[in-house]
Amino acid sequence: MDKYLEAFSNAFFGTIDWTWRSIIFEEPWYRNYFWGLIVISLAVWVLEIAFPWRKNQGVFRKDFWLDAFYMFFNFFIFAIVISGFYKVLEIGFSNFGISSSSLSLINVLTWPKWAQLLLFFVFNDFVQWFTHVLLHKYNFLWQFHKVHHSVKEMGFAAHLRYHWMENILYKPLKTFVVMLLVGGEPMDAFIVHFVAIAIGHLNHANIKITWGPLKYIFNNSVMHLYHHIKALPENREKGINFGISLSIWDYIFKTNYVPEDSGAIELGFSDEDKFPKGFFGQFIYGFRKSK
């Protein structure tokens, strides 16, 4: 038991230390997700202001500051809280001889670095797409996912507005599948993480992006706006356009839907009038029986 408590403590305080070192610029840029998130957010926000898609939407749109808080809560505060639990689980699995090397089905260590990163990016994105589908398919998961869909005016910060339970659901599955397929995160995985943050911000931003013919590969703001549509099309009541960074999964599995690109659609969900508007109400939402 002492071993687990020590591991929990080391991971918890280690994450706090890493976060603080990032804030005061003592972490190298490729490990500094705190300022990396801020730089990417400011850059996309400037693009929103300069090239707004929905021109009737304010620079400080509805719930702008709530979404900004969610960004830092989910990316840093919750990461600190949960880090110790993940470390304890890692040790528990290792006691049964389960590790990234023992699970790996593909030896990518001899591959070129670019190929390792590309494989990691694609598999990681597919797992997130699949998990996203589950969040819509099963009602008890949808109750948590409603936080993300409670956005009424879309903007870059809505990217990281989601219930903390999604961290619990996403991360273990992503970690397991990535370990199974490629043996864990490759070196320089920070490149993939920063790219994913940038794409996610752009997909939620008030900027009209389609990528031209590349729309069949990369997700975009037009496609993702329709993911948030309140009035879902007939026979699509479980959702559409589940792509995270890549849209190709939606085209492969026939979950794509983009009838037009005006951006003039209402966002939300059918029973949103009963949904709490503030952070603390949303924090505990999903643990009570839905009426």
Protein backbone atom coordinates (compact mmCIF):
# COMPACT_ATOMS: atom_id res chain seq x y z
CA MET A 1 0.00 0.00 0.00
CA ASP A 2 2.87 2.36 0.78
CA LYS A 3 4.17 1.85 -2.75
CA TYR A 4 0.86 2.97 -4.23
CA LEU A 5 0.56 5.97 -1.94
CA GLU A 6 4.08 7.06 -2.79
CA ALA A 7 3.40 6.64 -6.52
CA PHE A 8 0.17 8.62 -6.21
CA SER A 9 1.90 11.42 -4.31
CA ASN A 10 4.85 11.59 -6.70
CA ALA A 11 2.59 11.76 -9.75
CA PHE A 12 0.25 14.32 -8.19
CA PHE A 13 2.94 16.70 -6.99
CA GLY A 14 5.04 16.03 -10.06
CA THR A 15 2.21 17.23 -12.28
CA ILE A 16 1.79 20.33 -10.13
CA ASP A 17 5.52 21.01 -10.43
CA TRP A 18 5.45 20.48 -14.21
CA THR A 19 2.51 22.87 -14.54
CA TRP A 20 4.19 25.55 -12.44
CA ARG A 21 7.49 25.14 -14.29
CA SER A 22 5.56 25.57 -17.54
CA ILE A 23 3.94 28.79 -16.31
CA ILE A 24 7.29 30.32 -15.35
CA PHE A 25 8.97 29.20 -18.60
CA GLU A 26 11.28 26.62 -17.03
CA GLU A 27 9.96 23.83 -19.27
CA PRO A 28 11.25 23.59 -22.88
CA TRP A 29 8.76 24.84 -25.47
CA TYR A 30 7.90 21.34 -26.72
CA ARG A 31 6.78 20.31 -23.22
CA ASN A 32 5.15 23.63 -22.36
CA TYR A 33 1.49 22.94 -23.07
CA PHE A 34 0.41 25.81 -20.81
CA TRP A 35 1.83 28.56 -22.98
CA GLY A 36 1.41 26.45 -26.10
CA LEU A 37 -2.34 26.36 -25.48
CA ILE A 38 -2.40 30.12 -24.89
CA VAL A 39 -0.42 30.93 -28.06
CA ILE A 40 -2.60 28.66 -30.24
CA SER A 41 -5.78 30.06 -28.65
CA LEU A 42 -4.76 33.69 -29.20
CA ALA A 43 -3.73 32.98 -32.80
CA VAL A 44 -7.07 31.33 -33.65
CA TRP A 45 -9.01 34.04 -31.78
CA VAL A 46 -7.26 36.73 -33.86
CA LEU A 47 -8.34 34.85 -37.00
CA GLU A 48 -11.92 34.76 -35.66
CA ILE A 49 -11.86 38.52 -35.14
CA ALA A 50 -10.26 39.24 -38.53
CA PHE A 51 -12.31 36.77 -40.61
CA PRO A 52 -15.58 36.05 -38.77
CA TRP A 53 -17.86 33.51 -40.43
CA ARG A 54 -21.00 34.42 -38.45
CA LYS A 55 -20.67 38.20 -38.44
CA ASN A 56 -23.53 38.74 -35.98
CA GLN A 57 -21.55 36.85 -33.32
CA GLY A 58 -19.65 39.02 -30.86
CA VAL A 59 -15.90 38.88 -30.28
CA PHE A 60 -16.73 37.85 -26.72
CA ARG A 61 -19.49 35.46 -27.73
CA LYS A 62 -22.01 33.85 -25.39
CA ASP A 63 -20.21 31.83 -22.65
CA PHE A 64 -16.77 32.92 -23.90
CA TRP A 65 -15.31 33.11 -20.39
CA LEU A 66 -16.97 29.86 -19.27
CA ASP A 67 -15.34 28.07 -22.20
CA ALA A 68 -11.99 29.74 -21.47
CA PHE A 69 -12.18 28.40 -17.91
CA TYR A 70 -13.04 24.93 -19.21
CA MET A 71 -9.89 24.99 -21.35
CA PHE A 72 -7.61 25.37 -18.36
CA PHE A 73 -9.69 23.21 -16.04
CA ASN A 74 -9.72 20.19 -18.36
CA PHE A 75 -6.19 20.61 -19.68
CA PHE A 76 -4.40 21.36 -16.40
CA ILE A 77 -6.43 21.40 -13.17
CA PHE A 78 -8.17 18.07 -13.76
CA ALA A 79 -4.93 16.59 -15.12
CA ILE A 80 -3.29 17.36 -11.78
CA VAL A 81 -6.15 15.81 -9.81
CA ILE A 82 -6.29 12.58 -11.83
CA SER A 83 -2.55 12.05 -12.45
CA GLY A 84 -2.03 10.09 -9.25
CA PHE A 85 -4.85 7.66 -10.03
CA TYR A 86 -3.44 6.91 -13.49
CA LYS A 87 -0.02 6.20 -11.99
CA VAL A 88 -1.51 3.77 -9.48
CA LEU A 89 -3.31 1.96 -12.31
CA GLU A 90 -0.06 1.77 -14.27
CA ILE A 91 1.70 0.12 -11.33
CA GLY A 92 -1.24 -2.22 -10.79
CA PHE A 93 -1.07 -3.43 -14.40
CA SER A 94 2.71 -3.83 -14.19
CA ASN A 95 2.25 -6.21 -11.26
CA PHE A 96 0.47 -8.54 -13.68
CA GLY A 97 3.21 -8.18 -16.29
CA ILE A 98 1.18 -5.80 -18.43
CA SER A 99 3.18 -2.95 -19.95
CA SER A 100 3.41 -1.06 -23.21
CA SER A 101 6.16 -3.37 -24.48
CA SER A 102 4.26 -6.53 -23.56
CA LEU A 103 1.07 -5.37 -25.32
CA SER A 104 2.60 -3.91 -28.45
CA LEU A 105 1.59 -5.65 -31.68
CA ILE A 106 3.71 -3.48 -33.98
CA ASN A 107 7.39 -2.68 -33.51
CA VAL A 108 7.66 0.87 -34.76
CA LEU A 109 11.02 1.65 -33.18
CA THR A 110 12.81 0.93 -36.46
CA TRP A 111 10.43 3.09 -38.48
CA PRO A 112 11.34 6.63 -39.56
CA LYS A 113 10.29 9.24 -37.01
CA TRP A 114 7.70 10.76 -39.37
CA ALA A 115 6.06 7.34 -39.86
CA GLN A 116 5.89 6.74 -36.09
CA LEU A 117 4.22 10.12 -35.56
CA LEU A 118 1.80 9.62 -38.45
CA LEU A 119 0.74 6.19 -37.18
CA PHE A 120 0.29 7.55 -33.66
CA PHE A 121 -1.76 10.48 -34.97
CA VAL A 122 -4.07 8.29 -37.08
CA PHE A 123 -4.68 5.59 -34.45
CA ASN A 124 -5.11 8.15 -31.69
CA ASP A 125 -7.65 10.04 -33.77
CA PHE A 126 -9.62 6.91 -34.65
CA VAL A 127 -9.91 5.94 -30.99
CA GLN A 128 -11.22 9.41 -30.19
CA TRP A 129 -13.69 9.20 -33.09
CA PHE A 130 -14.94 5.81 -31.88
CA THR A 131 -15.26 7.02 -28.29
CA HIS A 132 -17.09 10.11 -29.53
CA VAL A 133 -19.61 7.87 -31.29
CA LEU A 134 -20.17 5.99 -28.02
CA LEU A 135 -20.78 9.28 -26.17
CA HIS A 136 -23.70 9.90 -28.51
CA LYS A 137 -24.96 6.34 -28.81
CA TYR A 138 -25.46 5.49 -25.13
CA ASN A 139 -27.71 7.72 -23.05
CA PHE A 140 -25.70 7.47 -19.81
CA LEU A 141 -22.61 8.72 -21.70
CA TRP A 142 -24.62 11.34 -23.58
CA GLN A 143 -25.64 12.91 -20.27
CA PHE A 144 -21.97 13.82 -19.71
CA HIS A 145 -21.38 14.81 -23.34
CA LYS A 146 -24.23 17.31 -23.18
CA VAL A 147 -21.80 19.77 -21.59
CA HIS A 148 -19.95 20.06 -24.90
CA HIS A 149 -23.19 20.36 -26.85
CA SER A 150 -24.58 23.06 -24.58
CA VAL A 151 -22.57 25.62 -26.59
CA LYS A 152 -24.99 28.03 -28.27
CA GLU A 153 -22.43 30.21 -30.10
CA MET A 154 -19.42 28.39 -31.49
CA GLY A 155 -15.88 29.62 -30.97
CA PHE A 156 -12.35 28.24 -30.55
CA ALA A 157 -12.59 27.80 -26.76
CA ALA A 158 -15.60 25.50 -27.13
CA HIS A 159 -13.06 22.88 -28.23
CA LEU A 160 -12.16 22.06 -24.62
CA ARG A 161 -15.58 22.64 -23.05
CA TYR A 162 -16.49 19.14 -21.94
CA HIS A 163 -17.46 17.25 -18.79
CA TRP A 164 -14.54 16.01 -16.69
CA MET A 165 -15.88 12.45 -17.01
CA GLU A 166 -14.85 12.51 -20.66
CA ASN A 167 -11.24 12.57 -19.46
CA ILE A 168 -11.99 9.37 -17.55
CA LEU A 169 -13.58 7.78 -20.61
CA TYR A 170 -11.17 8.94 -23.31
CA LYS A 171 -7.72 8.63 -21.78
CA PRO A 172 -7.68 4.96 -20.63
CA LEU A 173 -9.10 3.76 -23.96
CA LYS A 174 -6.69 5.92 -25.96
CA THR A 175 -3.75 4.81 -23.85
CA PHE A 176 -4.64 1.11 -24.11
CA VAL A 177 -5.20 1.10 -27.87
CA VAL A 178 -2.07 3.14 -28.58
CA MET A 179 -0.05 0.78 -26.37
CA LEU A 180 -1.59 -2.21 -28.14
CA LEU A 181 -0.88 -0.94 -31.61
CA VAL A 182 2.32 1.07 -31.35
CA GLY A 183 3.68 0.41 -27.86
CA GLY A 184 2.91 3.85 -26.45
CA GLU A 185 3.63 7.42 -27.41
CA PRO A 186 6.58 7.84 -29.80
CA MET A 187 9.35 10.33 -29.22
CA ASP A 188 8.38 13.85 -30.25
CA ALA A 189 4.68 13.04 -29.69
CA PHE A 190 4.34 16.70 -28.64
CA ILE A 191 4.14 17.51 -32.37
CA VAL A 192 0.97 15.43 -32.69
CA HIS A 193 -0.55 16.95 -29.54
CA PHE A 194 0.08 20.54 -30.63
CA VAL A 195 -1.29 19.81 -34.12
CA ALA A 196 -4.41 18.22 -32.59
CA ILE A 197 -4.98 21.28 -30.37
CA ALA A 198 -4.66 23.62 -33.36
CA ILE A 199 -7.02 21.55 -35.55
CA GLY A 200 -9.55 21.25 -32.71
CA HIS A 201 -9.50 25.02 -32.13
CA LEU A 202 -9.95 25.72 -35.85
CA ASN A 203 -12.83 23.22 -36.10
CA HIS A 204 -14.71 25.09 -33.36
CA ALA A 205 -13.69 28.60 -34.41
CA ASN A 206 -15.97 31.21 -35.97
CA ILE A 207 -14.01 30.88 -39.21
CA LYS A 208 -15.29 29.24 -42.38
CA ILE A 209 -12.82 26.47 -43.19
CA THR A 210 -13.48 23.58 -45.58
CA TRP A 211 -9.94 22.60 -46.79
CA GLY A 212 -11.25 22.08 -50.36
CA PRO A 213 -10.73 18.47 -51.57
CA LEU A 214 -8.91 17.73 -48.30
CA LYS A 215 -12.26 17.98 -46.48
CA TYR A 216 -12.59 14.22 -46.99
CA ILE A 217 -9.51 13.73 -44.83
CA PHE A 218 -9.40 16.62 -42.35
CA ASN A 219 -12.25 17.76 -40.13
CA ASN A 220 -13.27 21.40 -40.57
CA SER A 221 -15.38 24.13 -38.99
CA VAL A 222 -18.31 23.72 -41.41
CA MET A 223 -18.54 19.98 -40.84
CA HIS A 224 -18.15 20.28 -37.10
CA LEU A 225 -20.72 23.06 -36.78
CA TYR A 226 -23.28 20.60 -38.13
CA HIS A 227 -22.19 18.13 -35.48
CA HIS A 228 -23.62 20.62 -32.98
CA ILE A 229 -26.90 21.23 -34.81
CA LYS A 230 -29.96 21.18 -32.57
CA ALA A 231 -32.40 19.74 -35.11
CA LEU A 232 -30.66 16.56 -36.26
CA PRO A 233 -31.62 15.19 -39.68
CA GLU A 234 -34.14 12.35 -39.94
CA ASN A 235 -32.76 8.92 -38.99
CA ARG A 236 -29.63 10.56 -37.52
CA GLU A 237 -30.91 11.06 -33.97
CA LYS A 238 -27.64 9.73 -32.50
CA GLY A 239 -25.55 12.38 -34.18
CA ILE A 240 -23.47 13.20 -37.25
CA ASN A 241 -19.91 14.27 -38.11
CA PHE A 242 -18.09 12.71 -35.16
CA GLY A 243 -14.61 13.50 -36.48
CA ILE A 244 -12.00 14.99 -34.15
CA SER A 245 -8.97 15.89 -36.29
CA LEU A 246 -9.83 13.67 -39.26
CA SER A 247 -13.11 13.55 -41.17
CA ILE A 248 -12.23 10.40 -43.09
CA TRP A 249 -13.82 8.12 -40.48
CA ASP A 250 -17.20 9.81 -40.99
CA TYR A 251 -16.98 9.32 -44.75
CA ILE A 252 -15.90 5.69 -44.35
CA PHE A 253 -18.65 4.82 -41.86
CA LYS A 254 -21.32 7.01 -43.48
CA THR A 255 -21.83 9.35 -40.51
CA ASN A 256 -21.07 12.50 -42.54
CA TYR A 257 -23.68 15.21 -43.16
CA VAL A 258 -23.08 18.72 -44.55
CA PRO A 259 -26.11 19.94 -46.57
CA GLU A 260 -24.92 23.59 -46.86
CA ASP A 261 -22.32 25.96 -45.45
CA SER A 262 -24.08 29.19 -44.44
CA GLY A 263 -23.41 28.63 -40.73
CA ALA A 264 -26.95 29.84 -39.97
CA ILE A 265 -28.11 26.90 -37.87
CA GLU A 266 -29.26 26.63 -34.26
CA LEU A 267 -26.94 24.75 -31.93
CA GLY A 268 -27.78 22.71 -28.85
CA PHE A 269 -30.06 19.78 -28.02
CA SER A 270 -33.76 19.17 -27.45
CA ASP A 271 -33.96 19.37 -23.63
CA GLU A 272 -31.36 22.11 -23.18
CA ASP A 273 -33.85 24.26 -21.24
CA LYS A 274 -33.34 21.90 -18.28
CA PHE A 275 -29.56 21.97 -18.55
CA PRO A 276 -27.57 24.00 -15.96
CA LYS A 277 -25.89 27.14 -17.29
CA GLY A 278 -23.03 27.44 -14.80
CA PHE A 279 -19.86 25.41 -14.34
CA PHE A 280 -20.72 23.80 -10.99
CA GLY A 281 -24.14 22.65 -12.16
CA GLN A 282 -22.53 21.15 -15.25
CA PHE A 283 -19.75 19.63 -13.12
CA ILE A 284 -22.17 17.30 -11.33
CA TYR A 285 -24.49 16.83 -14.29
CA GLY A 286 -24.83 13.27 -15.55
CA PHE A 287 -24.83 11.61 -12.12
CA ARG A 288 -28.54 12.00 -11.63
CA LYS A 289 -31.30 10.14 -13.43
CA SER A 290 -32.40 11.91 -16.57
CA LYS A 291 -36.07 12.74 -16.70
